[in-house]
């Protein structure tokens, strides 16, 4: 059974840090590009960061504050979030897409502009992050 399970969300004051984790199972982890998305109340889901074997990419709103990484031995994706702001409050989702669906290094076409066939995607259930002033 293909599955992504997120953890690490919680409540934190502005300026604080959290680390999200996403454990993958049921598929060949190394052949998938991974990413983090978020959805704030009343807003559409948006891409936060993505990672593949060639590198990483970040949305402008989180650049220099968030770091995405992955551990192939543990089949785990991480998102280190520093300098959190109230506008970072959202449900955070881990997602995966087969790397063959993307051109090499073209992460933006998936997590930012959503041009990849969504039927190929795998999604977790989400973990809630709440940042207070």
Protein backbone atom coordinates (compact mmCIF):
# COMPACT_ATOMS: atom_id res chain seq x y z
CA UNK A 1 0.00 0.00 0.00
CA UNK A 2 1.45 3.34 -1.10
CA UNK A 3 1.50 5.72 1.81
CA UNK A 4 2.91 9.04 2.98
CA UNK A 5 2.62 9.92 6.66
CA UNK A 6 3.49 13.40 7.90
CA UNK A 7 4.36 14.43 11.45
CA UNK A 8 5.97 17.31 13.31
CA UNK A 9 3.32 19.97 13.06
CA UNK A 10 2.23 22.02 16.04
CA UNK A 11 1.82 25.47 17.48
CA UNK A 12 4.72 27.87 17.73
CA UNK A 13 5.26 31.57 18.23
CA UNK A 14 6.46 33.80 15.42
CA UNK A 15 10.19 33.46 14.94
CA UNK A 16 10.20 29.86 16.13
CA UNK A 17 11.10 26.65 14.34
CA UNK A 18 9.53 23.32 13.49
CA UNK A 19 10.72 20.27 11.57
CA UNK A 20 8.21 18.30 9.57
CA UNK A 21 8.80 14.69 8.60
CA UNK A 22 7.15 12.49 5.99
CA UNK A 23 7.70 8.74 5.94
CA UNK A 24 7.08 6.99 2.63
CA UNK A 25 6.17 3.35 2.14
CA UNK A 26 4.78 1.03 -0.49
CA UNK A 27 6.77 2.29 -3.47
CA UNK A 28 10.35 2.77 -4.65
CA UNK A 29 11.17 5.97 -2.77
CA UNK A 30 14.33 6.80 -4.70
CA UNK A 31 12.52 6.99 -8.06
CA UNK A 32 10.13 9.70 -6.91
CA UNK A 33 10.51 13.45 -6.69
CA UNK A 34 9.23 14.72 -3.35
CA UNK A 35 7.71 17.98 -2.23
CA UNK A 36 5.91 19.92 0.47
CA UNK A 37 2.70 21.83 -0.12
CA UNK A 38 0.50 23.84 2.20
CA UNK A 39 -3.07 25.07 2.35
CA UNK A 40 -4.15 27.92 4.56
CA UNK A 41 -7.81 28.38 5.54
CA UNK A 42 -9.77 29.82 2.63
CA UNK A 43 -6.83 29.58 0.23
CA UNK A 44 -5.74 27.22 -2.50
CA UNK A 45 -3.03 24.65 -1.94
CA UNK A 46 0.39 26.00 -2.86
CA UNK A 47 3.81 24.50 -3.39
CA UNK A 48 6.41 25.20 -0.72
CA UNK A 49 9.51 23.24 -1.75
CA UNK A 50 10.58 20.24 -3.80
CA UNK A 51 13.59 17.97 -4.08
CA UNK A 52 14.98 15.44 -6.51
CA UNK A 53 18.37 13.89 -7.21
CA UNK A 54 19.52 17.09 -8.97
CA UNK A 55 18.67 19.58 -6.25
CA UNK A 56 16.03 21.60 -4.48
CA UNK A 57 13.64 24.45 -5.19
CA UNK A 58 11.75 26.81 -2.91
CA UNK A 59 8.82 29.13 -3.23
CA UNK A 60 9.85 32.77 -2.83
CA UNK A 61 7.78 33.09 0.36
CA UNK A 62 9.90 30.53 2.22
CA UNK A 63 13.30 30.90 0.58
CA UNK A 64 16.13 31.34 3.10
CA UNK A 65 13.84 30.23 5.95
CA UNK A 66 12.86 26.66 5.04
CA UNK A 67 15.09 23.73 4.09
CA UNK A 68 13.88 20.57 2.38
CA UNK A 69 15.91 17.36 2.62
CA UNK A 70 15.45 13.63 2.24
CA UNK A 71 16.96 10.51 3.78
CA UNK A 72 17.00 7.63 1.29
CA UNK A 73 17.90 5.05 3.94
CA UNK A 74 14.90 6.00 6.06
CA UNK A 75 12.53 6.75 3.15
CA UNK A 76 11.84 10.07 4.86
CA UNK A 77 11.36 13.62 3.65
CA UNK A 78 11.95 16.60 5.94
CA UNK A 79 11.10 20.28 6.02
CA UNK A 80 13.06 22.39 8.48
CA UNK A 81 11.16 25.61 9.05
CA UNK A 82 12.93 28.51 10.76
CA UNK A 83 11.84 32.08 11.29
CA UNK A 84 8.19 31.10 11.16
CA UNK A 85 5.64 33.81 10.49
CA UNK A 86 1.88 33.89 11.14
CA UNK A 87 1.34 33.69 7.38
CA UNK A 88 3.00 30.26 7.42
CA UNK A 89 -0.01 28.92 9.31
CA UNK A 90 -1.51 26.13 7.20
CA UNK A 91 -2.00 22.42 6.78
CA UNK A 92 1.24 21.06 5.34
CA UNK A 93 1.17 18.12 2.95
CA UNK A 94 3.89 15.84 1.73
CA UNK A 95 3.58 14.67 -1.88
CA UNK A 96 5.45 12.50 -4.36
CA UNK A 97 5.48 12.16 -8.12
CA UNK A 98 7.46 9.72 -10.29
CA UNK A 99 10.63 11.42 -11.43
CA UNK A 100 10.03 10.27 -15.03
CA UNK A 101 7.06 12.68 -15.16
CA UNK A 102 9.41 15.68 -14.90
CA UNK A 103 12.21 16.96 -17.05
CA UNK A 104 15.56 16.74 -15.28
CA UNK A 105 15.87 19.56 -12.77
CA UNK A 106 12.47 21.03 -13.66
CA UNK A 107 10.89 20.93 -10.23
CA UNK A 108 8.92 24.13 -10.76
CA UNK A 109 6.66 22.54 -13.38
CA UNK A 110 5.35 20.24 -10.69
CA UNK A 111 5.20 21.97 -7.34
CA UNK A 112 4.75 25.59 -8.49
CA UNK A 113 2.89 25.58 -11.79
CA UNK A 114 1.24 22.15 -11.37
CA UNK A 115 1.74 21.03 -14.96
CA UNK A 116 2.27 17.34 -14.15
CA UNK A 117 -0.53 14.78 -14.51
CA UNK A 118 -2.07 14.81 -11.04
CA UNK A 119 -3.14 11.19 -11.37
CA UNK A 120 0.52 10.30 -10.84
CA UNK A 121 0.74 12.06 -7.48
CA UNK A 122 0.76 10.51 -4.03
CA UNK A 123 -0.38 12.61 -1.07
CA UNK A 124 -0.18 12.41 2.68
CA UNK A 125 -2.98 13.39 5.05
CA UNK A 126 -1.27 16.55 6.25
CA UNK A 127 0.06 18.01 9.49
CA UNK A 128 -1.13 21.31 10.93
CA UNK A 129 1.23 24.20 11.60
CA UNK A 130 -0.05 27.17 13.58
CA UNK A 131 2.14 30.23 14.08
CA UNK A 132 0.97 32.85 16.56
CA UNK A 133 2.13 36.43 17.04
